Amino acid sequence: MQRIRKAVIPAAGFGTRFLPATKATPKEMLPIVDKPTIQYIVEEALASGIEEILIISGHAKRAIEDHFDSAPALEMELEKKGKNELLKMVQETAAIKIHYIRQQQMRGLGDAILCARAFMQDEPFAVLLGDDVVYNGDGKPALQQLIDVYNETGSSVLGCQTVPEDKVSSYGIVKGEPTDNKRMLRVLDMVEKPSVEDAPSRMAVLGRYVITPAIFDILAHTLPGKGNEIQLTDALQVLAKRQSVYAYDFEGIRYDLGDKLGFLKATVEFALRREDLGRPFQIYLKRLVANL
């Protein structure tokens, strides 16, 4: 069984829900406090043992490449002014090994994953979507939890969390059968945004995957679906009929960054956890609430 060494981060979308901010700035570069969203995703991958990362980019996404590149003029200025901690931060970011390929047409998440086929070289791989940031503190990263399940089963794993009943209609929901692990189901099917009455479970697929390379042949023959896009969910449904696929209810606080309220929650809560910002920011928020 091959180990998980590579990950793909799809980052080609237009980010229309955050216009006008995303007209000239990739949504993946919008900061949570002072760190771009995509850097949280990259750091989770690295903390999970990933060695090589492929970012699927699109038009007007050059800022992502620049962020993970060296910046000689900036580094020289920081060194000159003795700002060594900031210099170290900039250099460490530039040292991350990242590859890029462009999705030339916006044909959906399934097509974006298919763009990674040559890079993966018939290996199982991880997928991390940039709309979902997961906070685990000192605990095990969400992706590492999925990789652990893959190491036990040798099968594809969908990162899920149990959502409240009134939220099931917002997500793809897993239909599955129980396993010996109470946090895990064997996937039988997936239902996209079902009503509460029709939902087969409360396990929602949330932006983390470990997938075997068999998915690529399936994606290559998957016809466009909703929105005339190639849907990864459609291909995973086929994969689950051909080989075992598991849904794992991972631990961690998940933030939906595709939603403005979710983005605000992430910004506030990450700021409150900061040693340099947490206490004064908490005092400010208490005063603010008291005066509303």
C-alpha atoms as a PDB file:
ATOM      1  CA  MET A   1       0.000   0.000   0.000  1.00  0.00           C
ATOM      2  CA  GLN A   2       1.403   3.360  -1.047  1.00  0.00           C
ATOM      3  CA  ARG A   3       1.561   6.101   1.541  1.00  0.00           C
ATOM      4  CA  ILE A   4       0.039   9.537   1.061  1.00  0.00           C
ATOM      5  CA  ARG A   5       2.832  11.884  -0.034  1.00  0.00           C
ATOM      6  CA  LYS A   6       1.049  14.369  -2.273  1.00  0.00           C
ATOM      7  CA  ALA A   7      -1.859  16.757  -1.957  1.00  0.00           C
ATOM      8  CA  VAL A   8      -3.820  18.921  -4.330  1.00  0.00           C
ATOM      9  CA  ILE A   9      -5.422  22.244  -3.374  1.00  0.00           C
ATOM     10  CA  PRO A  10      -7.966  23.498  -5.940  1.00  0.00           C
ATOM     11  CA  ALA A  11      -7.741  27.304  -6.104  1.00  0.00           C
ATOM     12  CA  ALA A  12      -9.061  28.280  -9.522  1.00  0.00           C
ATOM     13  CA  GLY A  13     -12.500  29.644  -8.632  1.00  0.00           C
ATOM     14  CA  PHE A  14     -13.549  33.260  -9.040  1.00  0.00           C
ATOM     15  CA  GLY A  15     -14.634  33.800  -5.429  1.00  0.00           C
ATOM     16  CA  THR A  16     -17.750  35.689  -6.510  1.00  0.00           C
ATOM     17  CA  ARG A  17     -19.323  35.581  -3.051  1.00  0.00           C
ATOM     18  CA  PHE A  18     -16.590  37.916  -1.814  1.00  0.00           C
ATOM     19  CA  LEU A  19     -16.744  40.518  -4.569  1.00  0.00           C
ATOM     20  CA  PRO A  20     -15.578  43.240  -4.865  1.00  0.00           C
ATOM     21  CA  ALA A  21     -12.618  42.140  -2.667  1.00  0.00           C
ATOM     22  CA  THR A  22     -11.892  39.206  -4.978  1.00  0.00           C
ATOM     23  CA  LYS A  23     -12.004  41.164  -8.235  1.00  0.00           C
ATOM     24  CA  ALA A  24      -8.216  41.588  -8.178  1.00  0.00           C
ATOM     25  CA  THR A  25      -7.252  39.470  -5.132  1.00  0.00           C
ATOM     26  CA  PRO A  26      -7.677  35.681  -5.113  1.00  0.00           C
ATOM     27  CA  LYS A  27     -10.132  34.629  -2.409  1.00  0.00           C
ATOM     28  CA  GLU A  28      -7.460  32.205  -1.174  1.00  0.00           C
ATOM     29  CA  MET A  29      -5.294  35.225  -0.326  1.00  0.00           C
ATOM     30  CA  LEU A  30      -7.897  36.916   1.890  1.00  0.00           C
ATOM     31  CA  PRO A  31      -6.312  36.980   5.351  1.00  0.00           C
ATOM     32  CA  ILE A  32      -7.539  35.497   8.589  1.00  0.00           C
ATOM     33  CA  VAL A  33      -5.956  38.135  10.840  1.00  0.00           C
ATOM     34  CA  ASP A  34      -2.553  38.385   9.105  1.00  0.00           C
ATOM     35  CA  LYS A  35      -2.171  35.060   7.300  1.00  0.00           C
ATOM     36  CA  PRO A  36      -3.724  34.219   3.902  1.00  0.00           C
ATOM     37  CA  THR A  37      -6.402  31.559   4.007  1.00  0.00           C
ATOM     38  CA  ILE A  38      -4.454  29.253   1.694  1.00  0.00           C
ATOM     39  CA  GLN A  39      -1.469  29.258   4.039  1.00  0.00           C
ATOM     40  CA  TYR A  40      -3.587  27.675   6.786  1.00  0.00           C
ATOM     41  CA  ILE A  41      -4.485  24.930   4.293  1.00  0.00           C
ATOM     42  CA  VAL A  42      -0.869  24.432   3.215  1.00  0.00           C
ATOM     43  CA  GLU A  43       0.294  24.269   6.838  1.00  0.00           C
ATOM     44  CA  GLU A  44      -2.315  21.606   7.621  1.00  0.00           C
ATOM     45  CA  ALA A  45      -1.038  19.529   4.708  1.00  0.00           C
ATOM     46  CA  LEU A  46       2.574  19.836   5.851  1.00  0.00           C
ATOM     47  CA  ALA A  47       1.663  19.033   9.467  1.00  0.00           C
ATOM     48  CA  SER A  48      -0.051  15.875   8.152  1.00  0.00           C
ATOM     49  CA  GLY A  49       3.140  14.611   6.521  1.00  0.00           C
ATOM     50  CA  ILE A  50       2.479  15.759   2.959  1.00  0.00           C
ATOM     51  CA  GLU A  51       5.725  16.210   1.020  1.00  0.00           C
ATOM     52  CA  GLU A  52       4.552  17.743  -2.268  1.00  0.00           C
ATOM     53  CA  ILE A  53       1.652  20.102  -2.869  1.00  0.00           C
ATOM     54  CA  LEU A  54       0.002  20.950  -6.167  1.00  0.00           C
ATOM     55  CA  ILE A  55      -2.141  24.076  -6.340  1.00  0.00           C
ATOM     56  CA  ILE A  56      -4.667  24.172  -9.178  1.00  0.00           C
ATOM     57  CA  SER A  57      -4.768  27.844 -10.054  1.00  0.00           C
ATOM     58  CA  GLY A  58      -6.619  29.930 -12.606  1.00  0.00           C
ATOM     59  CA  HIS A  59      -6.554  33.321 -14.244  1.00  0.00           C
ATOM     60  CA  ALA A  60      -5.536  36.267 -12.022  1.00  0.00           C
ATOM     61  CA  LYS A  61      -4.119  33.943  -9.332  1.00  0.00           C
ATOM     62  CA  ARG A  62      -0.492  35.022  -9.609  1.00  0.00           C
ATOM     63  CA  ALA A  63      -0.596  36.442  -6.066  1.00  0.00           C
ATOM     64  CA  ILE A  64      -0.681  32.886  -4.688  1.00  0.00           C
ATOM     65  CA  GLU A  65       2.553  31.995  -6.483  1.00  0.00           C
ATOM     66  CA  ASP A  66       4.154  35.248  -5.358  1.00  0.00           C
ATOM     67  CA  HIS A  67       3.206  34.564  -1.747  1.00  0.00           C
ATOM     68  CA  PHE A  68       5.044  31.229  -1.689  1.00  0.00           C
ATOM     69  CA  ASP A  69       8.029  32.597  -3.629  1.00  0.00           C
ATOM     70  CA  SER A  70      11.151  34.319  -2.349  1.00  0.00           C
ATOM     71  CA  ALA A  71      11.079  38.106  -1.992  1.00  0.00           C
ATOM     72  CA  PRO A  72      14.706  39.299  -2.159  1.00  0.00           C
ATOM     73  CA  ALA A  73      13.960  43.021  -1.802  1.00  0.00           C
ATOM     74  CA  LEU A  74      11.662  42.469   1.192  1.00  0.00           C
ATOM     75  CA  GLU A  75      14.097  40.047   2.826  1.00  0.00           C
ATOM     76  CA  MET A  76      16.967  42.501   2.370  1.00  0.00           C
ATOM     77  CA  GLU A  77      14.922  45.298   3.937  1.00  0.00           C
ATOM     78  CA  LEU A  78      13.898  43.149   6.919  1.00  0.00           C
ATOM     79  CA  GLU A  79      17.498  42.055   7.455  1.00  0.00           C
ATOM     80  CA  LYS A  80      18.706  45.655   7.229  1.00  0.00           C
ATOM     81  CA  LYS A  81      16.224  46.749   9.903  1.00  0.00           C
ATOM     82  CA  GLY A  82      16.984  43.798  12.159  1.00  0.00           C
ATOM     83  CA  LYS A  83      13.455  42.388  11.940  1.00  0.00           C
ATOM     84  CA  ASN A  84      14.716  38.834  12.222  1.00  0.00           C
ATOM     85  CA  GLU A  85      11.472  37.150  13.249  1.00  0.00           C
ATOM     86  CA  LEU A  86       9.641  38.583  10.261  1.00  0.00           C
ATOM     87  CA  LEU A  87      12.575  37.672   8.020  1.00  0.00           C
ATOM     88  CA  LYS A  88      12.459  34.082   9.245  1.00  0.00           C
ATOM     89  CA  MET A  89       8.700  33.947   8.622  1.00  0.00           C
ATOM     90  CA  VAL A  90       9.077  35.182   5.035  1.00  0.00           C
ATOM     91  CA  GLN A  91      11.931  32.759   4.302  1.00  0.00           C
ATOM     92  CA  GLU A  92      10.088  29.766   5.763  1.00  0.00           C
ATOM     93  CA  THR A  93       7.058  30.506   3.601  1.00  0.00           C
ATOM     94  CA  ALA A  94       9.256  30.662   0.493  1.00  0.00           C
ATOM     95  CA  ALA A  95      10.885  27.335   1.393  1.00  0.00           C
ATOM     96  CA  ILE A  96       7.624  25.367   1.091  1.00  0.00           C
ATOM     97  CA  LYS A  97       7.747  23.075  -1.947  1.00  0.00           C
ATOM     98  CA  ILE A  98       4.693  23.873  -4.075  1.00  0.00           C
ATOM     99  CA  HIS A  99       3.880  23.098  -7.707  1.00  0.00           C
ATOM    100  CA  TYR A 100       1.277  24.830  -9.867  1.00  0.00           C
ATOM    101  CA  ILE A 101      -0.910  24.005 -12.826  1.00  0.00           C
ATOM    102  CA  ARG A 102      -3.653  26.140 -14.338  1.00  0.00           C
ATOM    103  CA  GLN A 103      -7.232  24.984 -14.849  1.00  0.00           C
ATOM    104  CA  GLN A 104      -7.833  26.701 -18.148  1.00  0.00           C
ATOM    105  CA  GLN A 105     -11.626  26.407 -18.084  1.00  0.00           C
ATOM    106  CA  MET A 106     -13.845  26.547 -15.005  1.00  0.00           C
ATOM    107  CA  ARG A 107     -15.439  23.123 -15.455  1.00  0.00           C
ATOM    108  CA  GLY A 108     -15.935  22.195 -11.812  1.00  0.00           C
ATOM    109  CA  LEU A 109     -14.091  20.551  -8.943  1.00  0.00           C
ATOM    110  CA  GLY A 110     -13.938  17.189 -10.695  1.00  0.00           C
ATOM    111  CA  ASP A 111     -12.148  18.739 -13.649  1.00  0.00           C
ATOM    112  CA  ALA A 112      -9.733  20.537 -11.292  1.00  0.00           C
ATOM    113  CA  ILE A 113      -8.822  17.220  -9.666  1.00  0.00           C
ATOM    114  CA  LEU A 114      -8.392  15.627 -13.099  1.00  0.00           C
ATOM    115  CA  CYS A 115      -5.796  18.323 -13.867  1.00  0.00           C
ATOM    116  CA  ALA A 116      -3.621  16.726 -11.147  1.00  0.00           C
ATOM    117  CA  ARG A 117      -3.480  13.299 -12.789  1.00  0.00           C
ATOM    118  CA  ALA A 118       0.036  13.512 -14.232  1.00  0.00           C
ATOM    119  CA  PHE A 119       1.409  14.995 -11.029  1.00  0.00           C
ATOM    120  CA  MET A 120       0.015  12.189  -8.878  1.00  0.00           C
ATOM    121  CA  GLN A 121       1.654   9.454 -11.018  1.00  0.00           C
ATOM    122  CA  ASP A 122      -0.845   6.759 -10.024  1.00  0.00           C
ATOM    123  CA  GLU A 123      -0.456   7.405  -6.291  1.00  0.00           C
ATOM    124  CA  PRO A 124      -3.217   7.874  -3.713  1.00  0.00           C
ATOM    125  CA  PHE A 125      -3.429  11.524  -2.743  1.00  0.00           C
ATOM    126  CA  ALA A 126      -5.071  14.102  -0.502  1.00  0.00           C
ATOM    127  CA  VAL A 127      -7.418  16.926  -1.471  1.00  0.00           C
ATOM    128  CA  LEU A 128      -7.892  20.026   0.676  1.00  0.00           C
ATOM    129  CA  LEU A 129     -10.500  22.592  -0.307  1.00  0.00           C
ATOM    130  CA  GLY A 130      -9.695  26.182   0.558  1.00  0.00           C
ATOM    131  CA  ASP A 131     -13.226  27.031   1.716  1.00  0.00           C
ATOM    132  CA  ASP A 132     -12.761  24.908   4.837  1.00  0.00           C
ATOM    133  CA  VAL A 133     -10.216  25.742   7.533  1.00  0.00           C
ATOM    134  CA  VAL A 134     -10.085  23.387  10.501  1.00  0.00           C
ATOM    135  CA  TYR A 135      -8.645  24.348  13.871  1.00  0.00           C
ATOM    136  CA  ASN A 136      -7.211  21.504  15.938  1.00  0.00           C
ATOM    137  CA  GLY A 137      -4.965  23.359  18.373  1.00  0.00           C
ATOM    138  CA  ASP A 138      -2.343  20.912  19.630  1.00  0.00           C
ATOM    139  CA  GLY A 139      -4.411  17.966  18.396  1.00  0.00           C
ATOM    140  CA  LYS A 140      -4.038  15.927  15.246  1.00  0.00           C
ATOM    141  CA  PRO A 141      -4.742  17.868  12.002  1.00  0.00           C
ATOM    142  CA  ALA A 142      -7.946  16.939  10.195  1.00  0.00           C
ATOM    143  CA  LEU A 143      -6.087  15.613   7.149  1.00  0.00           C
ATOM    144  CA  GLN A 144      -3.808  13.487   9.315  1.00  0.00           C
ATOM    145  CA  GLN A 145      -6.902  11.877  10.841  1.00  0.00           C
ATOM    146  CA  LEU A 146      -8.050  10.871   7.345  1.00  0.00           C
ATOM    147  CA  ILE A 147      -4.592   9.600   6.404  1.00  0.00           C
ATOM    148  CA  ASP A 148      -4.612   7.417   9.527  1.00  0.00           C
ATOM    149  CA  VAL A 149      -7.900   5.864   8.362  1.00  0.00           C
ATOM    150  CA  TYR A 150      -6.418   5.304   4.887  1.00  0.00           C
ATOM    151  CA  ASN A 151      -3.388   3.623   6.450  1.00  0.00           C
ATOM    152  CA  GLU A 152      -5.727   1.224   8.264  1.00  0.00           C
ATOM    153  CA  THR A 153      -8.068   0.486   5.360  1.00  0.00           C
ATOM    154  CA  GLY A 154      -6.177   1.208   2.130  1.00  0.00           C
ATOM    155  CA  SER A 155      -9.345   2.919   0.912  1.00  0.00           C
ATOM    156  CA  SER A 156     -10.504   6.394  -0.044  1.00  0.00           C
ATOM    157  CA  VAL A 157     -11.708   8.493   2.880  1.00  0.00           C
ATOM    158  CA  LEU A 158     -14.103  11.447   2.881  1.00  0.00           C
ATOM    159  CA  GLY A 159     -13.621  14.028   5.619  1.00  0.00           C
ATOM    160  CA  CYS A 160     -16.974  14.650   7.270  1.00  0.00           C
ATOM    161  CA  GLN A 161     -18.542  16.110  10.355  1.00  0.00           C
ATOM    162  CA  THR A 162     -21.899  15.451  11.940  1.00  0.00           C
ATOM    163  CA  VAL A 163     -24.063  18.509  11.347  1.00  0.00           C
ATOM    164  CA  PRO A 164     -27.354  19.548  13.011  1.00  0.00           C
ATOM    165  CA  GLU A 165     -30.551  18.392  11.330  1.00  0.00           C
ATOM    166  CA  ASP A 166     -31.416  21.899  10.170  1.00  0.00           C
ATOM    167  CA  LYS A 167     -28.093  22.095   8.283  1.00  0.00           C
ATOM    168  CA  VAL A 168     -28.212  18.842   6.287  1.00  0.00           C
ATOM    169  CA  SER A 169     -29.912  20.565   3.347  1.00  0.00           C
ATOM    170  CA  SER A 170     -26.771  22.697   2.891  1.00  0.00           C
ATOM    171  CA  TYR A 171     -24.328  19.845   2.284  1.00  0.00           C
ATOM    172  CA  GLY A 172     -23.634  16.592   0.508  1.00  0.00           C
ATOM    173  CA  ILE A 173     -24.755  13.920   2.972  1.00  0.00           C
ATOM    174  CA  VAL A 174     -23.352  10.404   3.187  1.00  0.00           C
ATOM    175  CA  LYS A 175     -25.533   7.316   3.069  1.00  0.00           C
ATOM    176  CA  GLY A 176     -23.531   4.573   4.686  1.00  0.00           C
ATOM    177  CA  GLU A 177     -23.388   1.509   6.870  1.00  0.00           C
ATOM    178  CA  PRO A 178     -21.827   1.415  10.343  1.00  0.00           C
ATOM    179  CA  THR A 179     -18.328   0.085  10.982  1.00  0.00           C
ATOM    180  CA  ASP A 180     -16.516  -0.960  14.157  1.00  0.00           C
ATOM    181  CA  ASN A 181     -15.314   2.635  14.413  1.00  0.00           C
ATOM    182  CA  LYS A 182     -18.176   4.798  15.703  1.00  0.00           C
ATOM    183  CA  ARG A 183     -16.765   7.831  13.843  1.00  0.00           C
ATOM    184  CA  MET A 184     -16.760   6.054  10.482  1.00  0.00           C
ATOM    185  CA  LEU A 185     -19.275   4.830   7.908  1.00  0.00           C
ATOM    186  CA  ARG A 186     -18.708   2.724   4.814  1.00  0.00           C
ATOM    187  CA  VAL A 187     -20.101   4.851   1.992  1.00  0.00           C
ATOM    188  CA  LEU A 188     -22.984   3.411  -0.017  1.00  0.00           C
ATOM    189  CA  ASP A 189     -24.112   6.628  -1.683  1.00  0.00           C
ATOM    190  CA  MET A 190     -24.131  10.413  -1.304  1.00  0.00           C
ATOM    191  CA  VAL A 191     -27.154  12.685  -1.454  1.00  0.00           C
ATOM    192  CA  GLU A 192     -26.611  16.312  -2.429  1.00  0.00           C
ATOM    193  CA  LYS A 193     -28.426  18.796  -0.151  1.00  0.00           C
ATOM    194  CA  PRO A 194     -31.334  16.569   0.923  1.00  0.00           C
ATOM    195  CA  SER A 195     -34.309  17.671   2.975  1.00  0.00           C
ATOM    196  CA  VAL A 196     -34.270  16.717   6.660  1.00  0.00           C
ATOM    197  CA  GLU A 197     -36.820  13.992   5.920  1.00  0.00           C
ATOM    198  CA  ASP A 198     -34.778  12.514   3.066  1.00  0.00           C
ATOM    199  CA  ALA A 199     -31.328  12.792   4.656  1.00  0.00           C
ATOM    200  CA  PRO A 200     -29.815   9.301   5.134  1.00  0.00           C
ATOM    201  CA  SER A 201     -27.542  10.556   7.950  1.00  0.00           C
ATOM    202  CA  ARG A 202     -26.104  13.757   9.367  1.00  0.00           C
ATOM    203  CA  MET A 203     -22.578  13.075   8.047  1.00  0.00           C
ATOM    204  CA  ALA A 204     -21.724  16.019   5.767  1.00  0.00           C
ATOM    205  CA  VAL A 205     -18.722  15.987   3.413  1.00  0.00           C
ATOM    206  CA  LEU A 206     -16.546  18.958   4.360  1.00  0.00           C
ATOM    207  CA  GLY A 207     -13.565  19.683   2.152  1.00  0.00           C
ATOM    208  CA  ARG A 208     -11.003  17.006   3.065  1.00  0.00           C
ATOM    209  CA  TYR A 209     -10.406  13.821   1.088  1.00  0.00           C
ATOM    210  CA  VAL A 210      -7.923  10.998   0.654  1.00  0.00           C
ATOM    211  CA  ILE A 211      -8.570   9.378  -2.710  1.00  0.00           C
ATOM    212  CA  THR A 212      -7.130   6.396  -4.568  1.00  0.00           C
ATOM    213  CA  PRO A 213      -5.910   6.971  -8.156  1.00  0.00           C
ATOM    214  CA  ALA A 214      -8.839   4.961  -9.561  1.00  0.00           C
ATOM    215  CA  ILE A 215     -10.769   8.240  -9.379  1.00  0.00           C
ATOM    216  CA  PHE A 216      -8.940   9.618 -12.428  1.00  0.00           C
ATOM    217  CA  ASP A 217     -10.364   7.116 -14.938  1.00  0.00           C
ATOM    218  CA  ILE A 218     -13.803   7.729 -13.483  1.00  0.00           C
ATOM    219  CA  LEU A 219     -13.434  11.510 -13.738  1.00  0.00           C
ATOM    220  CA  ALA A 220     -12.247  11.203 -17.334  1.00  0.00           C
ATOM    221  CA  HIS A 221     -15.587   9.575 -18.201  1.00  0.00           C
ATOM    222  CA  THR A 222     -17.817  11.670 -15.939  1.00  0.00           C
ATOM    223  CA  LEU A 223     -20.257  13.826 -17.863  1.00  0.00           C
ATOM    224  CA  PRO A 224     -20.935  17.406 -16.778  1.00  0.00           C
ATOM    225  CA  GLY A 225     -23.718  17.638 -14.221  1.00  0.00           C
ATOM    226  CA  LYS A 226     -25.154  20.522 -12.246  1.00  0.00           C
ATOM    227  CA  GLY A 227     -24.027  23.880 -13.625  1.00  0.00           C
ATOM    228  CA  ASN A 228     -22.517  22.067 -16.645  1.00  0.00           C
ATOM    229  CA  GLU A 229     -19.560  21.177 -14.411  1.00  0.00           C
ATOM    230  CA  ILE A 230     -17.783  17.899 -13.760  1.00  0.00           C
ATOM    231  CA  GLN A 231     -18.689  17.079 -10.177  1.00  0.00           C
ATOM    232  CA  LEU A 232     -16.270  15.245  -7.887  1.00  0.00           C
ATOM    233  CA  THR A 233     -19.265  13.920  -5.938  1.00  0.00           C
ATOM    234  CA  ASP A 234     -20.550  12.102  -9.046  1.00  0.00           C
ATOM    235  CA  ALA A 235     -17.191  10.389  -9.514  1.00  0.00           C
ATOM    236  CA  LEU A 236     -16.949   9.441  -5.828  1.00  0.00           C
ATOM    237  CA  GLN A 237     -20.382   7.803  -6.035  1.00  0.00           C
ATOM    238  CA  VAL A 238     -19.098   5.604  -8.858  1.00  0.00           C
ATOM    239  CA  LEU A 239     -15.872   4.885  -6.947  1.00  0.00           C
ATOM    240  CA  ALA A 240     -17.874   3.755  -3.896  1.00  0.00           C
ATOM    241  CA  LYS A 241     -19.622   1.157  -6.050  1.00  0.00           C
ATOM    242  CA  ARG A 242     -16.305  -0.234  -7.309  1.00  0.00           C
ATOM    243  CA  GLN A 243     -14.228  -0.226  -4.124  1.00  0.00           C
ATOM    244  CA  SER A 244     -14.560   0.607  -0.457  1.00  0.00           C
ATOM    245  CA  VAL A 245     -14.899   4.290   0.408  1.00  0.00           C
ATOM    246  CA  TYR A 246     -15.235   5.494   3.992  1.00  0.00           C
ATOM    247  CA  ALA A 247     -16.640   8.631   5.572  1.00  0.00           C
ATOM    248  CA  TYR A 248     -14.810   9.737   8.695  1.00  0.00           C
ATOM    249  CA  ASP A 249     -16.205  12.192  11.232  1.00  0.00           C
ATOM    250  CA  PHE A 250     -13.007  14.132  11.905  1.00  0.00           C
ATOM    251  CA  GLU A 251     -12.330  16.112  15.074  1.00  0.00           C
ATOM    252  CA  GLY A 252     -11.716  19.850  14.966  1.00  0.00           C
ATOM    253  CA  ILE A 253     -13.465  23.212  14.706  1.00  0.00           C
ATOM    254  CA  ARG A 254     -14.358  23.734  11.065  1.00  0.00           C
ATOM    255  CA  TYR A 255     -14.895  27.175   9.562  1.00  0.00           C
ATOM    256  CA  ASP A 256     -16.844  27.669   6.330  1.00  0.00           C
ATOM    257  CA  LEU A 257     -14.828  30.369   4.575  1.00  0.00           C
ATOM    258  CA  GLY A 258     -17.091  30.300   1.542  1.00  0.00           C
ATOM    259  CA  ASP A 259     -19.616  32.107   3.716  1.00  0.00           C
ATOM    260  CA  LYS A 260     -19.101  35.700   4.911  1.00  0.00           C
ATOM    261  CA  LEU A 261     -20.334  34.945   8.416  1.00  0.00           C
ATOM    262  CA  GLY A 262     -18.065  31.896   8.564  1.00  0.00           C
ATOM    263  CA  PHE A 263     -15.127  34.036   7.493  1.00  0.00           C
ATOM    264  CA  LEU A 264     -15.885  36.587  10.220  1.00  0.00           C
ATOM    265  CA  LYS A 265     -16.159  33.831  12.839  1.00  0.00           C
ATOM    266  CA  ALA A 266     -12.770  32.448  11.796  1.00  0.00           C
ATOM    267  CA  THR A 267     -11.156  35.890  11.942  1.00  0.00           C
ATOM    268  CA  VAL A 268     -12.521  36.644  15.418  1.00  0.00           C
ATOM    269  CA  GLU A 269     -11.777  33.238  16.918  1.00  0.00           C
ATOM    270  CA  PHE A 270      -8.256  32.937  15.486  1.00  0.00           C
ATOM    271  CA  ALA A 271      -7.519  36.451  16.780  1.00  0.00           C
ATOM    272  CA  LEU A 272      -8.784  35.549  20.256  1.00  0.00           C
ATOM    273  CA  ARG A 273      -6.397  32.566  20.343  1.00  0.00           C
ATOM    274  CA  ARG A 274      -3.359  34.745  19.623  1.00  0.00           C
ATOM    275  CA  GLU A 275      -1.043  35.471  22.537  1.00  0.00           C
ATOM    276  CA  ASP A 276      -0.304  38.943  21.166  1.00  0.00           C
ATOM    277  CA  LEU A 277      -3.920  39.873  20.340  1.00  0.00           C
ATOM    278  CA  GLY A 278      -6.232  37.660  22.337  1.00  0.00           C
ATOM    279  CA  ARG A 279      -6.557  39.540  25.627  1.00  0.00           C
ATOM    280  CA  PRO A 280      -6.835  43.130  24.302  1.00  0.00           C
ATOM    281  CA  PHE A 281      -9.185  41.965  21.531  1.00  0.00           C
ATOM    282  CA  GLN A 282     -11.382  40.207  24.085  1.00  0.00           C
ATOM    283  CA  ILE A 283     -11.580  43.388  26.174  1.00  0.00           C
ATOM    284  CA  TYR A 284     -12.495  45.371  23.060  1.00  0.00           C
ATOM    285  CA  LEU A 285     -15.247  42.923  22.093  1.00  0.00           C
ATOM    286  CA  LYS A 286     -16.765  42.973  25.594  1.00  0.00           C
ATOM    287  CA  ARG A 287     -16.892  46.771  25.528  1.00  0.00           C
ATOM    288  CA  LEU A 288     -18.326  46.733  22.034  1.00  0.00           C
ATOM    289  CA  VAL A 289     -21.117  44.309  22.959  1.00  0.00           C
ATOM    290  CA  ALA A 290     -21.894  46.246  26.144  1.00  0.00           C
ATOM    291  CA  ASN A 291     -22.401  49.430  24.132  1.00  0.00           C
ATOM    292  CA  LEU A 292     -24.612  47.951  21.408  1.00  0.00           C
END
